Protein backbone atom coordinates (compact mmCIF):
# COMPACT_ATOMS: atom_id res chain seq x y z
CA LEU A 1 -130.49 -256.38 10.15
CA GLY A 2 -127.08 -254.98 10.37
CA TYR A 3 -123.57 -254.48 9.75
CA GLY A 4 -120.25 -255.50 12.06
CA PHE A 5 -116.98 -256.07 12.74
CA CYS A 6 -115.12 -258.30 14.37
CA HIS A 7 -110.88 -259.81 14.84
CA LEU A 8 -111.04 -263.38 13.51
CA PRO A 9 -108.13 -265.14 15.80
CA ALA A 10 -104.87 -266.28 14.24
CA THR A 11 -104.47 -269.19 16.84
CA PRO A 12 -106.00 -272.37 16.64
CA GLY A 13 -108.37 -273.49 18.70
CA CYS A 14 -112.07 -272.92 19.94
CA HIS A 15 -112.89 -268.94 20.39
CA ALA A 16 -115.73 -266.91 21.84
CA LEU A 17 -116.38 -263.48 19.98
CA SER A 18 -118.71 -261.13 20.53
CA CYS A 19 -119.50 -259.06 17.50
CA VAL A 20 -121.58 -255.66 18.01
CA THR A 21 -123.60 -255.05 15.06
CA TRP A 22 -125.10 -251.67 13.79
CA ARG A 23 -127.43 -250.07 11.01
CA PRO A 24 -128.16 -246.79 8.91
CA ARG A 25 -130.45 -245.38 10.70
CA GLY A 26 -132.20 -243.60 7.70
CA THR A 27 -135.00 -240.98 7.22
CA TRP A 28 -138.60 -241.68 9.54
CA GLY A 29 -140.25 -242.91 6.35
CA GLU A 30 -138.11 -245.79 6.20
CA ARG A 31 -138.27 -246.63 9.68
CA LEU A 32 -141.61 -246.57 9.57
CA SER A 33 -141.74 -248.81 6.72
CA GLY A 34 -138.92 -251.01 8.14
CA ARG A 35 -141.77 -251.53 11.14
CA LEU A 36 -144.75 -252.27 9.03
CA VAL A 37 -143.41 -253.63 6.07
CA GLY A 38 -139.68 -255.49 7.52
CA GLY A 39 -136.52 -255.11 6.53
CA GLY A 40 -134.65 -251.67 6.99
CA PRO A 41 -132.23 -248.94 5.30
CA GLN A 42 -129.59 -250.71 3.30
CA LEU A 43 -126.23 -249.58 2.12
CA ARG A 44 -126.47 -247.66 -1.20
CA THR A 45 -122.44 -248.83 -1.20
CA PRO A 46 -120.98 -251.31 1.00
CA ASP A 47 -117.72 -250.27 0.64
CA ALA A 48 -119.19 -247.64 2.96
CA ALA A 49 -119.33 -249.96 5.63
CA TYR A 50 -115.13 -250.70 6.26
CA ALA A 51 -114.08 -247.46 4.19
CA GLY A 52 -112.60 -245.45 7.43
CA ALA A 53 -113.95 -242.30 6.21
CA ASP A 54 -116.97 -242.73 4.82
CA ARG A 55 -118.12 -244.65 7.49
CA PHE A 56 -117.71 -242.24 10.22
CA ARG A 57 -120.21 -239.52 7.81
CA LEU A 58 -122.80 -242.05 8.38
CA ARG A 59 -126.07 -241.76 10.82
CA THR A 60 -125.97 -244.63 12.30
CA GLU A 61 -128.44 -246.91 15.22
CA ALA A 62 -127.30 -250.00 17.42
CA ALA A 63 -128.46 -253.12 15.66
CA GLY A 64 -127.79 -255.49 18.78
CA THR A 65 -124.48 -257.81 19.49
CA VAL A 66 -123.98 -261.38 17.46
CA HIS A 67 -122.02 -263.51 19.85
CA LEU A 68 -120.00 -266.34 17.40
CA GLN A 69 -118.11 -269.85 18.40
CA LEU A 70 -115.61 -270.30 16.16
CA GLY A 71 -113.09 -273.23 15.53
CA VAL A 72 -109.83 -272.51 13.75
CA LEU A 73 -108.14 -274.54 12.17
CA LEU A 74 -104.34 -274.00 10.35
CA ARG A 75 -103.45 -276.78 9.29
CA HIS A 76 -104.05 -280.96 8.85
CA PHE A 77 -107.22 -279.77 7.66
CA ALA A 78 -107.61 -283.81 6.04
CA ARG A 79 -107.73 -284.45 9.45
CA TYR A 80 -110.49 -282.89 10.73
CA GLY A 81 -112.65 -283.65 7.39
CA VAL A 82 -111.94 -280.24 5.52
CA GLN A 83 -111.79 -280.53 1.73
CA CYS A 84 -109.27 -278.34 0.17
């Protein structure tokens, strides 16, 4: 479980992306509970994940990397079976 950011390509075609993720560190009690029960600490307001000033005050830890394979279409959606 975690949060992450990556820029989506603006050019058509297949793209391989890697998105580094992070999660709130939480207190020792929250970390212990996460290990025993599962889950983990979450942000109280999801807006803090993308608001620059608030995000830099968070205590976080690395949560891994997500590897994405994206196919980007910019036109001719019907030709590829995409319904608008």
